[in-house]
């Protein structure tokens, strides 16, 4: 099993409250506001902690994500950008 490709290994199931959603956003961004509403709803219902980071205050985030704002990370990995699909985010946090 140790030689199995990472593509076929299952990740251990994590409870929603052990996950972290990060919204990378910028001030005055209406898509960011829309994304935040979806995140607040889904994370609130599932008990998932979430945070937001301002791309204008972090040069690394700016360099990496400037053209994709808003960006949603789940446990530090990019989940989506521009528009957040409520069902897809919910699935990512519960599977």
PDB file of N, CA and C in Angstrom:
ATOM      1  N   UNK A   1       0.825  -1.196   0.000  1.00  0.00           N
ATOM      2  CA  UNK A   1       0.000   0.000   0.000  1.00  0.00           C
ATOM      3  C   UNK A   1       0.866   1.256   0.000  1.00  0.00           C
ATOM      4  N   UNK A   2       2.032   1.204   0.619  1.00  0.00           N
ATOM      5  CA  UNK A   2       2.904   2.373   0.682  1.00  0.00           C
ATOM      6  C   UNK A   2       3.396   2.783  -0.699  1.00  0.00           C
ATOM      7  N   UNK A   3       3.447   1.837  -1.649  1.00  0.00           N
ATOM      8  CA  UNK A   3       3.910   2.143  -2.993  1.00  0.00           C
ATOM      9  C   UNK A   3       2.803   2.656  -3.902  1.00  0.00           C
ATOM     10  N   UNK A   4       1.592   2.731  -3.392  1.00  0.00           N
ATOM     11  CA  UNK A   4       0.458   3.154  -4.200  1.00  0.00           C
ATOM     12  C   UNK A   4       0.592   4.638  -4.557  1.00  0.00           C
ATOM     13  N   UNK A   5       0.201   4.950  -5.754  1.00  0.00           N
ATOM     14  CA  UNK A   5       0.228   6.340  -6.209  1.00  0.00           C
ATOM     15  C   UNK A   5      -0.635   7.209  -5.306  1.00  0.00           C
ATOM     16  N   UNK A   6      -0.191   8.442  -5.002  1.00  0.00           N
ATOM     17  CA  UNK A   6      -0.996   9.349  -4.180  1.00  0.00           C
ATOM     18  C   UNK A   6      -2.378   9.618  -4.772  1.00  0.00           C
ATOM     19  N   UNK A   7      -2.509   9.465  -6.093  1.00  0.00           N
ATOM     20  CA  UNK A   7      -3.807   9.683  -6.729  1.00  0.00           C
ATOM     21  C   UNK A   7      -4.858   8.686  -6.247  1.00  0.00           C
ATOM     22  N   UNK A   8      -4.397   7.501  -5.842  1.00  0.00           N
ATOM     23  CA  UNK A   8      -5.333   6.457  -5.456  1.00  0.00           C
ATOM     24  C   UNK A   8      -5.452   6.281  -3.952  1.00  0.00           C
ATOM     25  N   UNK A   9      -4.631   6.973  -3.202  1.00  0.00           N
ATOM     26  CA  UNK A   9      -4.723   6.899  -1.745  1.00  0.00           C
ATOM     27  C   UNK A   9      -5.841   7.782  -1.248  1.00  0.00           C
ATOM     28  N   UNK A  10      -6.614   7.295  -0.341  1.00  0.00           N
ATOM     29  CA  UNK A  10      -7.669   8.104   0.262  1.00  0.00           C
ATOM     30  C   UNK A  10      -7.074   8.939   1.369  1.00  0.00           C
ATOM     31  N   UNK A  11      -7.519  10.165   1.431  1.00  0.00           N
ATOM     32  CA  UNK A  11      -7.108  11.014   2.546  1.00  0.00           C
ATOM     33  C   UNK A  11      -7.975  10.664   3.738  1.00  0.00           C
ATOM     34  N   UNK A  12      -7.412  10.755   4.920  1.00  0.00           N
ATOM     35  CA  UNK A  12      -8.234  10.484   6.098  1.00  0.00           C
ATOM     36  C   UNK A  12      -9.372  11.495   6.182  1.00  0.00           C
ATOM     37  N   UNK A  13     -10.544  11.001   6.559  1.00  0.00           N
ATOM     38  CA  UNK A  13     -11.706  11.881   6.695  1.00  0.00           C
ATOM     39  C   UNK A  13     -11.483  12.830   7.863  1.00  0.00           C
ATOM     40  N   UNK A  14     -11.757  14.084   7.636  1.00  0.00           N
ATOM     41  CA  UNK A  14     -11.624  15.095   8.683  1.00  0.00           C
ATOM     42  C   UNK A  14     -12.988  15.691   8.955  1.00  0.00           C
ATOM     43  N   UNK A  15     -13.289  15.875  10.213  1.00  0.00           N
ATOM     44  CA  UNK A  15     -14.548  16.501  10.592  1.00  0.00           C
ATOM     45  C   UNK A  15     -14.550  17.945  10.111  1.00  0.00           C
ATOM     46  N   UNK A  16     -15.717  18.464   9.723  1.00  0.00           N
ATOM     47  CA  UNK A  16     -15.784  19.846   9.233  1.00  0.00           C
ATOM     48  C   UNK A  16     -15.146  20.859  10.179  1.00  0.00           C
ATOM     49  N   UNK A  17     -15.337  20.694  11.474  1.00  0.00           N
ATOM     50  CA  UNK A  17     -14.781  21.673  12.418  1.00  0.00           C
ATOM     51  C   UNK A  17     -13.251  21.623  12.492  1.00  0.00           C
ATOM     52  N   UNK A  18     -12.647  20.594  11.891  1.00  0.00           N
ATOM     53  CA  UNK A  18     -11.186  20.491  11.846  1.00  0.00           C
ATOM     54  C   UNK A  18     -10.612  21.046  10.545  1.00  0.00           C
ATOM     55  N   UNK A  19     -11.462  21.607   9.707  1.00  0.00           N
ATOM     56  CA  UNK A  19     -11.041  22.173   8.433  1.00  0.00           C
ATOM     57  C   UNK A  19     -10.852  23.683   8.598  1.00  0.00           C
ATOM     58  N   UNK A  20     -10.299  24.334   7.607  1.00  0.00           N
ATOM     59  CA  UNK A  20     -10.171  25.790   7.616  1.00  0.00           C
ATOM     60  C   UNK A  20     -10.392  26.311   6.203  1.00  0.00           C
ATOM     61  N   UNK A  21     -11.321  27.248   6.081  1.00  0.00           N
ATOM     62  CA  UNK A  21     -11.577  27.908   4.804  1.00  0.00           C
ATOM     63  C   UNK A  21     -10.971  29.303   4.881  1.00  0.00           C
ATOM     64  N   UNK A  22     -10.247  29.661   3.832  1.00  0.00           N
ATOM     65  CA  UNK A  22      -9.642  30.985   3.750  1.00  0.00           C
ATOM     66  C   UNK A  22     -10.166  31.686   2.506  1.00  0.00           C
ATOM     67  N   UNK A  23     -10.671  32.886   2.700  1.00  0.00           N
ATOM     68  CA  UNK A  23     -11.108  33.723   1.581  1.00  0.00           C
ATOM     69  C   UNK A  23     -10.030  34.767   1.336  1.00  0.00           C
ATOM     70  N   UNK A  24      -9.417  34.715   0.168  1.00  0.00           N
ATOM     71  CA  UNK A  24      -8.425  35.709  -0.233  1.00  0.00           C
ATOM     72  C   UNK A  24      -9.190  36.735  -1.060  1.00  0.00           C
ATOM     73  N   UNK A  25      -9.208  37.986  -0.585  1.00  0.00           N
ATOM     74  CA  UNK A  25     -10.050  39.011  -1.183  1.00  0.00           C
ATOM     75  C   UNK A  25      -9.346  40.348  -1.235  1.00  0.00           C
ATOM     76  N   UNK A  26     -10.017  41.329  -1.805  1.00  0.00           N
ATOM     77  CA  UNK A  26      -9.510  42.693  -1.793  1.00  0.00           C
ATOM     78  C   UNK A  26     -10.675  43.631  -1.493  1.00  0.00           C
ATOM     79  N   UNK A  27     -10.385  44.800  -0.967  1.00  0.00           N
ATOM     80  CA  UNK A  27     -11.438  45.765  -0.656  1.00  0.00           C
ATOM     81  C   UNK A  27     -12.176  46.216  -1.915  1.00  0.00           C
ATOM     82  N   UNK A  28     -13.491  46.436  -1.777  1.00  0.00           N
ATOM     83  CA  UNK A  28     -14.285  46.954  -2.873  1.00  0.00           C
ATOM     84  C   UNK A  28     -14.617  45.958  -3.963  1.00  0.00           C
ATOM     85  N   UNK A  29     -14.423  44.699  -3.710  1.00  0.00           N
ATOM     86  CA  UNK A  29     -14.641  43.649  -4.717  1.00  0.00           C
ATOM     87  C   UNK A  29     -16.018  43.024  -4.500  1.00  0.00           C
ATOM     88  N   UNK A  30     -16.946  43.233  -5.441  1.00  0.00           N
ATOM     89  CA  UNK A  30     -18.296  42.682  -5.264  1.00  0.00           C
ATOM     90  C   UNK A  30     -18.314  41.165  -5.349  1.00  0.00           C
ATOM     91  N   UNK A  31     -17.451  40.563  -6.160  1.00  0.00           N
ATOM     92  CA  UNK A  31     -17.374  39.101  -6.196  1.00  0.00           C
ATOM     93  C   UNK A  31     -16.874  38.549  -4.863  1.00  0.00           C
ATOM     94  N   UNK A  32     -15.988  39.301  -4.215  1.00  0.00           N
ATOM     95  CA  UNK A  32     -15.483  38.901  -2.897  1.00  0.00           C
ATOM     96  C   UNK A  32     -16.607  38.929  -1.866  1.00  0.00           C
ATOM     97  N   UNK A  33     -17.452  39.954  -1.947  1.00  0.00           N
ATOM     98  CA  UNK A  33     -18.598  40.039  -1.041  1.00  0.00           C
ATOM     99  C   UNK A  33     -19.545  38.865  -1.252  1.00  0.00           C
ATOM    100  N   UNK A  34     -19.793  38.518  -2.523  1.00  0.00           N
ATOM    101  CA  UNK A  34     -20.651  37.372  -2.836  1.00  0.00           C
ATOM    102  C   UNK A  34     -20.045  36.077  -2.291  1.00  0.00           C
ATOM    103  N   UNK A  35     -18.740  35.907  -2.490  1.00  0.00           N
ATOM    104  CA  UNK A  35     -18.054  34.712  -2.000  1.00  0.00           C
ATOM    105  C   UNK A  35     -18.147  34.628  -0.478  1.00  0.00           C
ATOM    106  N   UNK A  36     -17.987  35.748   0.180  1.00  0.00           N
ATOM    107  CA  UNK A  36     -18.043  35.763   1.641  1.00  0.00           C
ATOM    108  C   UNK A  36     -19.414  35.329   2.142  1.00  0.00           C
ATOM    109  N   UNK A  37     -20.467  35.747   1.466  1.00  0.00           N
ATOM    110  CA  UNK A  37     -21.806  35.335   1.881  1.00  0.00           C
ATOM    111  C   UNK A  37     -21.973  33.817   1.819  1.00  0.00           C
ATOM    112  N   UNK A  38     -21.486  33.207   0.744  1.00  0.00           N
ATOM    113  CA  UNK A  38     -21.576  31.749   0.605  1.00  0.00           C
ATOM    114  C   UNK A  38     -20.741  31.069   1.687  1.00  0.00           C
ATOM    115  N   UNK A  39     -19.534  31.561   1.901  1.00  0.00           N
ATOM    116  CA  UNK A  39     -18.654  30.971   2.914  1.00  0.00           C
ATOM    117  C   UNK A  39     -19.263  31.097   4.308  1.00  0.00           C
ATOM    118  N   UNK A  40     -19.781  32.266   4.630  1.00  0.00           N
ATOM    119  CA  UNK A  40     -20.405  32.454   5.942  1.00  0.00           C
ATOM    120  C   UNK A  40     -21.560  31.473   6.147  1.00  0.00           C
ATOM    121  N   UNK A  41     -22.364  31.287   5.114  1.00  0.00           N
ATOM    122  CA  UNK A  41     -23.512  30.378   5.219  1.00  0.00           C
ATOM    123  C   UNK A  41     -23.063  28.937   5.406  1.00  0.00           C
ATOM    124  N   UNK A  42     -22.217  28.451   4.515  1.00  0.00           N
ATOM    125  CA  UNK A  42     -21.800  27.055   4.550  1.00  0.00           C
ATOM    126  C   UNK A  42     -20.991  26.759   5.811  1.00  0.00           C
ATOM    127  N   UNK A  43     -20.018  27.597   6.093  1.00  0.00           N
ATOM    128  CA  UNK A  43     -19.171  27.366   7.271  1.00  0.00           C
ATOM    129  C   UNK A  43     -19.985  27.497   8.561  1.00  0.00           C
ATOM    130  N   UNK A  44     -20.926  28.428   8.584  1.00  0.00           N
ATOM    131  CA  UNK A  44     -21.779  28.590   9.755  1.00  0.00           C
ATOM    132  C   UNK A  44     -22.631  27.359  10.009  1.00  0.00           C
ATOM    133  N   UNK A  45     -23.197  26.805   8.949  1.00  0.00           N
ATOM    134  CA  UNK A  45     -24.039  25.619   9.078  1.00  0.00           C
ATOM    135  C   UNK A  45     -23.242  24.384   9.479  1.00  0.00           C
ATOM    136  N   UNK A  46     -22.002  24.274   8.997  1.00  0.00           N
ATOM    137  CA  UNK A  46     -21.189  23.085   9.261  1.00  0.00           C
ATOM    138  C   UNK A  46     -20.262  23.237  10.464  1.00  0.00           C
ATOM    139  N   UNK A  47     -20.151  24.439  11.000  1.00  0.00           N
ATOM    140  CA  UNK A  47     -19.252  24.666  12.125  1.00  0.00           C
ATOM    141  C   UNK A  47     -17.783  24.707  11.714  1.00  0.00           C
ATOM    142  N   UNK A  48     -17.535  25.127  10.490  1.00  0.00           N
ATOM    143  CA  UNK A  48     -16.171  25.197   9.954  1.00  0.00           C
ATOM    144  C   UNK A  48     -15.596  26.588  10.215  1.00  0.00           C
ATOM    145  N   UNK A  49     -14.414  26.673  10.814  1.00  0.00           N
ATOM    146  CA  UNK A  49     -13.791  27.981  10.972  1.00  0.00           C
ATOM    147  C   UNK A  49     -13.361  28.535   9.615  1.00  0.00           C
ATOM    148  N   UNK A  50     -13.413  29.859   9.509  1.00  0.00           N
ATOM    149  CA  UNK A  50     -12.955  30.478   8.271  1.00  0.00           C
ATOM    150  C   UNK A  50     -12.294  31.804   8.598  1.00  0.00           C
ATOM    151  N   UNK A  51     -11.483  32.255   7.664  1.00  0.00           N
ATOM    152  CA  UNK A  51     -10.758  33.507   7.821  1.00  0.00           C
ATOM    153  C   UNK A  51     -10.723  34.207   6.480  1.00  0.00           C
ATOM    154  N   UNK A  52     -10.407  35.481   6.520  1.00  0.00           N
ATOM    155  CA  UNK A  52     -10.198  36.200   5.269  1.00  0.00           C
ATOM    156  C   UNK A  52      -8.852  36.900   5.298  1.00  0.00           C
ATOM    157  N   UNK A  53      -8.249  36.966   4.130  1.00  0.00           N
ATOM    158  CA  UNK A  53      -6.964  37.639   3.983  1.00  0.00           C
ATOM    159  C   UNK A  53      -7.085  38.666   2.867  1.00  0.00           C
ATOM    160  N   UNK A  54      -6.530  39.838   3.120  1.00  0.00           N
ATOM    161  CA  UNK A  54      -6.571  40.942   2.173  1.00  0.00           C
ATOM    162  C   UNK A  54      -5.359  40.860   1.255  1.00  0.00           C
ATOM    163  N   UNK A  55      -5.611  40.680  -0.017  1.00  0.00           N
ATOM    164  CA  UNK A  55      -4.531  40.523  -0.992  1.00  0.00           C
ATOM    165  C   UNK A  55      -3.667  41.778  -1.100  1.00  0.00           C
ATOM    166  N   UNK A  56      -4.223  42.936  -0.734  1.00  0.00           N
ATOM    167  CA  UNK A  56      -3.457  44.174  -0.816  1.00  0.00           C
ATOM    168  C   UNK A  56      -2.481  44.322   0.360  1.00  0.00           C
ATOM    169  N   UNK A  57      -2.594  43.441   1.334  1.00  0.00           N
ATOM    170  CA  UNK A  57      -1.732  43.507   2.513  1.00  0.00           C
ATOM    171  C   UNK A  57      -0.696  42.384   2.550  1.00  0.00           C
ATOM    172  N   UNK A  58      -0.663  41.539   1.522  1.00  0.00           N
ATOM    173  CA  UNK A  58       0.239  40.385   1.515  1.00  0.00           C
ATOM    174  C   UNK A  58       0.810  40.208   0.107  1.00  0.00           C
ATOM    175  N   UNK A  59       2.079  40.537  -0.062  1.00  0.00           N
ATOM    176  CA  UNK A  59       2.696  40.498  -1.395  1.00  0.00           C
ATOM    177  C   UNK A  59       2.709  39.095  -1.988  1.00  0.00           C
ATOM    178  N   UNK A  60       2.929  38.065  -1.179  1.00  0.00           N
ATOM    179  CA  UNK A  60       2.925  36.693  -1.700  1.00  0.00           C
ATOM    180  C   UNK A  60       1.558  36.311  -2.252  1.00  0.00           C
ATOM    181  N   UNK A  61       0.507  36.626  -1.504  1.00  0.00           N
ATOM    182  CA  UNK A  61      -0.845  36.344  -1.992  1.00  0.00           C
ATOM    183  C   UNK A  61      -1.138  37.153  -3.252  1.00  0.00           C
ATOM    184  N   UNK A  62      -0.722  38.406  -3.259  1.00  0.00           N
ATOM    185  CA  UNK A  62      -0.912  39.261  -4.432  1.00  0.00           C
ATOM    186  C   UNK A  62      -0.256  38.640  -5.661  1.00  0.00           C
ATOM    187  N   UNK A  63       0.993  38.231  -5.525  1.00  0.00           N
ATOM    188  CA  UNK A  63       1.722  37.659  -6.651  1.00  0.00           C
ATOM    189  C   UNK A  63       1.080  36.362  -7.152  1.00  0.00           C
ATOM    190  N   UNK A  64       0.560  35.581  -6.235  1.00  0.00           N
ATOM    191  CA  UNK A  64       0.019  34.278  -6.601  1.00  0.00           C
ATOM    192  C   UNK A  64      -1.410  34.341  -7.140  1.00  0.00           C
ATOM    193  N   UNK A  65      -2.246  35.216  -6.582  1.00  0.00           N
ATOM    194  CA  UNK A  65      -3.680  35.154  -6.878  1.00  0.00           C
ATOM    195  C   UNK A  65      -4.299  36.407  -7.491  1.00  0.00           C
ATOM    196  N   UNK A  66      -3.523  37.441  -7.801  1.00  0.00           N
ATOM    197  CA  UNK A  66      -4.089  38.721  -8.201  1.00  0.00           C
ATOM    198  C   UNK A  66      -5.164  38.598  -9.287  1.00  0.00           C
ATOM    199  N   UNK A  67      -4.970  37.772 -10.279  1.00  0.00           N
ATOM    200  CA  UNK A  67      -5.911  37.682 -11.397  1.00  0.00           C
ATOM    201  C   UNK A  67      -7.087  36.757 -11.122  1.00  0.00           C
ATOM    202  N   UNK A  68      -7.138  36.152  -9.949  1.00  0.00           N
ATOM    203  CA  UNK A  68      -8.192  35.180  -9.652  1.00  0.00           C
ATOM    204  C   UNK A  68      -9.126  35.612  -8.521  1.00  0.00           C
ATOM    205  N   UNK A  69      -8.990  36.784  -7.993  1.00  0.00           N
ATOM    206  CA  UNK A  69      -9.740  37.225  -6.816  1.00  0.00           C
ATOM    207  C   UNK A  69     -11.239  37.171  -7.060  1.00  0.00           C
ATOM    208  N   UNK A  70     -12.040  36.701  -6.136  1.00  0.00           N
ATOM    209  CA  UNK A  70     -11.670  36.084  -4.877  1.00  0.00           C
ATOM    210  C   UNK A  70     -11.215  34.640  -5.066  1.00  0.00           C
ATOM    211  N   UNK A  71     -10.374  34.204  -4.154  1.00  0.00           N
ATOM    212  CA  UNK A  71      -9.880  32.838  -4.149  1.00  0.00           C
ATOM    213  C   UNK A  71     -10.290  32.209  -2.830  1.00  0.00           C
ATOM    214  N   UNK A  72     -10.750  30.961  -2.895  1.00  0.00           N
ATOM    215  CA  UNK A  72     -11.114  30.226  -1.689  1.00  0.00           C
ATOM    216  C   UNK A  72     -10.141  29.069  -1.532  1.00  0.00           C
ATOM    217  N   UNK A  73      -9.533  29.008  -0.357  1.00  0.00           N
ATOM    218  CA  UNK A  73      -8.641  27.910  -0.012  1.00  0.00           C
ATOM    219  C   UNK A  73      -9.333  27.040   1.025  1.00  0.00           C
ATOM    220  N   UNK A  74      -9.173  25.740   0.902  1.00  0.00           N
ATOM    221  CA  UNK A  74      -9.646  24.806   1.916  1.00  0.00           C
ATOM    222  C   UNK A  74      -8.407  24.090   2.437  1.00  0.00           C
ATOM    223  N   UNK A  75      -8.148  24.272   3.713  1.00  0.00           N
ATOM    224  CA  UNK A  75      -6.957  23.696   4.343  1.00  0.00           C
ATOM    225  C   UNK A  75      -5.683  24.089   3.602  1.00  0.00           C
ATOM    226  N   UNK A  76      -5.645  25.336   3.126  1.00  0.00           N
ATOM    227  CA  UNK A  76      -4.452  25.868   2.482  1.00  0.00           C
ATOM    228  C   UNK A  76      -4.300  25.541   1.010  1.00  0.00           C
ATOM    229  N   UNK A  77      -5.221  24.750   0.452  1.00  0.00           N
ATOM    230  CA  UNK A  77      -5.150  24.396  -0.962  1.00  0.00           C
ATOM    231  C   UNK A  77      -6.272  25.098  -1.718  1.00  0.00           C
ATOM    232  N   UNK A  78      -5.953  25.580  -2.915  1.00  0.00           N
ATOM    233  CA  UNK A  78      -6.954  26.314  -3.684  1.00  0.00           C
ATOM    234  C   UNK A  78      -8.148  25.422  -4.005  1.00  0.00           C
ATOM    235  N   UNK A  79      -9.316  25.909  -3.646  1.00  0.00           N
ATOM    236  CA  UNK A  79     -10.571  25.203  -3.907  1.00  0.00           C
ATOM    237  C   UNK A  79     -11.254  25.781  -5.147  1.00  0.00           C
ATOM    238  N   UNK A  80     -11.335  27.106  -5.222  1.00  0.00           N
ATOM    239  CA  UNK A  80     -11.993  27.751  -6.351  1.00  0.00           C
ATOM    240  C   UNK A  80     -11.576  29.213  -6.423  1.00  0.00           C
ATOM    241  N   UNK A  81     -12.022  29.885  -7.471  1.00  0.00           N
ATOM    242  CA  UNK A  81     -11.798  31.319  -7.598  1.00  0.00           C
ATOM    243  C   UNK A  81     -12.957  31.934  -8.369  1.00  0.00           C
ATOM    244  N   UNK A  82     -13.068  33.234  -8.305  1.00  0.00           N
ATOM    245  CA  UNK A  82     -14.110  34.072  -8.894  1.00  0.00           C
ATOM    246  C   UNK A  82     -15.484  33.830  -8.275  1.00  0.00           C
ATOM    247  N   UNK A  83     -16.085  32.702  -8.514  1.00  0.00           N
ATOM    248  CA  UNK A  83     -17.420  32.406  -7.979  1.00  0.00           C
ATOM    249  C   UNK A  83     -17.365  31.153  -7.106  1.00  0.00           C
ATOM    250  N   UNK A  84     -18.087  31.197  -5.995  1.00  0.00           N
ATOM    251  CA  UNK A  84     -18.097  30.071  -5.061  1.00  0.00           C
ATOM    252  C   UNK A  84     -19.430  29.347  -5.183  1.00  0.00           C
ATOM    253  N   UNK A  85     -19.364  28.072  -5.495  1.00  0.00           N
ATOM    254  CA  UNK A  85     -20.549  27.246  -5.585  1.00  0.00           C
ATOM    255  C   UNK A  85     -20.828  26.647  -4.210  1.00  0.00           C
ATOM    256  N   UNK A  86     -21.996  26.960  -3.662  1.00  0.00           N
ATOM    257  CA  UNK A  86     -22.329  26.523  -2.305  1.00  0.00           C
ATOM    258  C   UNK A  86     -22.258  25.005  -2.148  1.00  0.00           C
ATOM    259  N   UNK A  87     -22.837  24.268  -3.076  1.00  0.00           N
ATOM    260  CA  UNK A  87     -22.864  22.806  -2.950  1.00  0.00           C
ATOM    261  C   UNK A  87     -21.458  22.212  -3.076  1.00  0.00           C
ATOM    262  N   UNK A  88     -20.664  22.754  -3.968  1.00  0.00           N
ATOM    263  CA  UNK A  88     -19.297  22.241  -4.147  1.00  0.00           C
ATOM    264  C   UNK A  88     -18.454  22.495  -2.902  1.00  0.00           C
ATOM    265  N   UNK A  89     -18.598  23.668  -2.287  1.00  0.00           N
ATOM    266  CA  UNK A  89     -17.866  23.962  -1.062  1.00  0.00           C
ATOM    267  C   UNK A  89     -18.337  23.040   0.063  1.00  0.00           C
ATOM    268  N   UNK A  90     -19.636  22.864   0.181  1.00  0.00           N
ATOM    269  CA  UNK A  90     -20.189  21.978   1.210  1.00  0.00           C
ATOM    270  C   UNK A  90     -19.634  20.555   1.052  1.00  0.00           C
ATOM    271  N   UNK A  91     -19.605  20.074  -0.173  1.00  0.00           N
ATOM    272  CA  UNK A  91     -19.086  18.736  -0.439  1.00  0.00           C
ATOM    273  C   UNK A  91     -17.613  18.626  -0.072  1.00  0.00           C
ATOM    274  N   UNK A  92     -16.851  19.629  -0.428  1.00  0.00           N
ATOM    275  CA  UNK A  92     -15.415  19.611  -0.117  1.00  0.00           C
ATOM    276  C   UNK A  92     -15.164  19.564   1.383  1.00  0.00           C
ATOM    277  N   UNK A  93     -16.053  20.151   2.152  1.00  0.00           N
ATOM    278  CA  UNK A  93     -15.863  20.200   3.609  1.00  0.00           C
ATOM    279  C   UNK A  93     -16.424  18.999   4.339  1.00  0.00           C
ATOM    280  N   UNK A  94     -17.241  18.202   3.678  1.00  0.00           N
ATOM    281  CA  UNK A  94     -17.864  17.069   4.350  1.00  0.00           C
ATOM    282  C   UNK A  94     -17.417  15.709   3.811  1.00  0.00           C
ATOM    283  N   UNK A  95     -16.681  15.696   2.749  1.00  0.00           N
ATOM    284  CA  UNK A  95     -16.229  14.405   2.176  1.00  0.00           C
ATOM    285  C   UNK A  95     -14.869  14.036   2.685  1.00  0.00           C
TER     286      UNK A  95
END
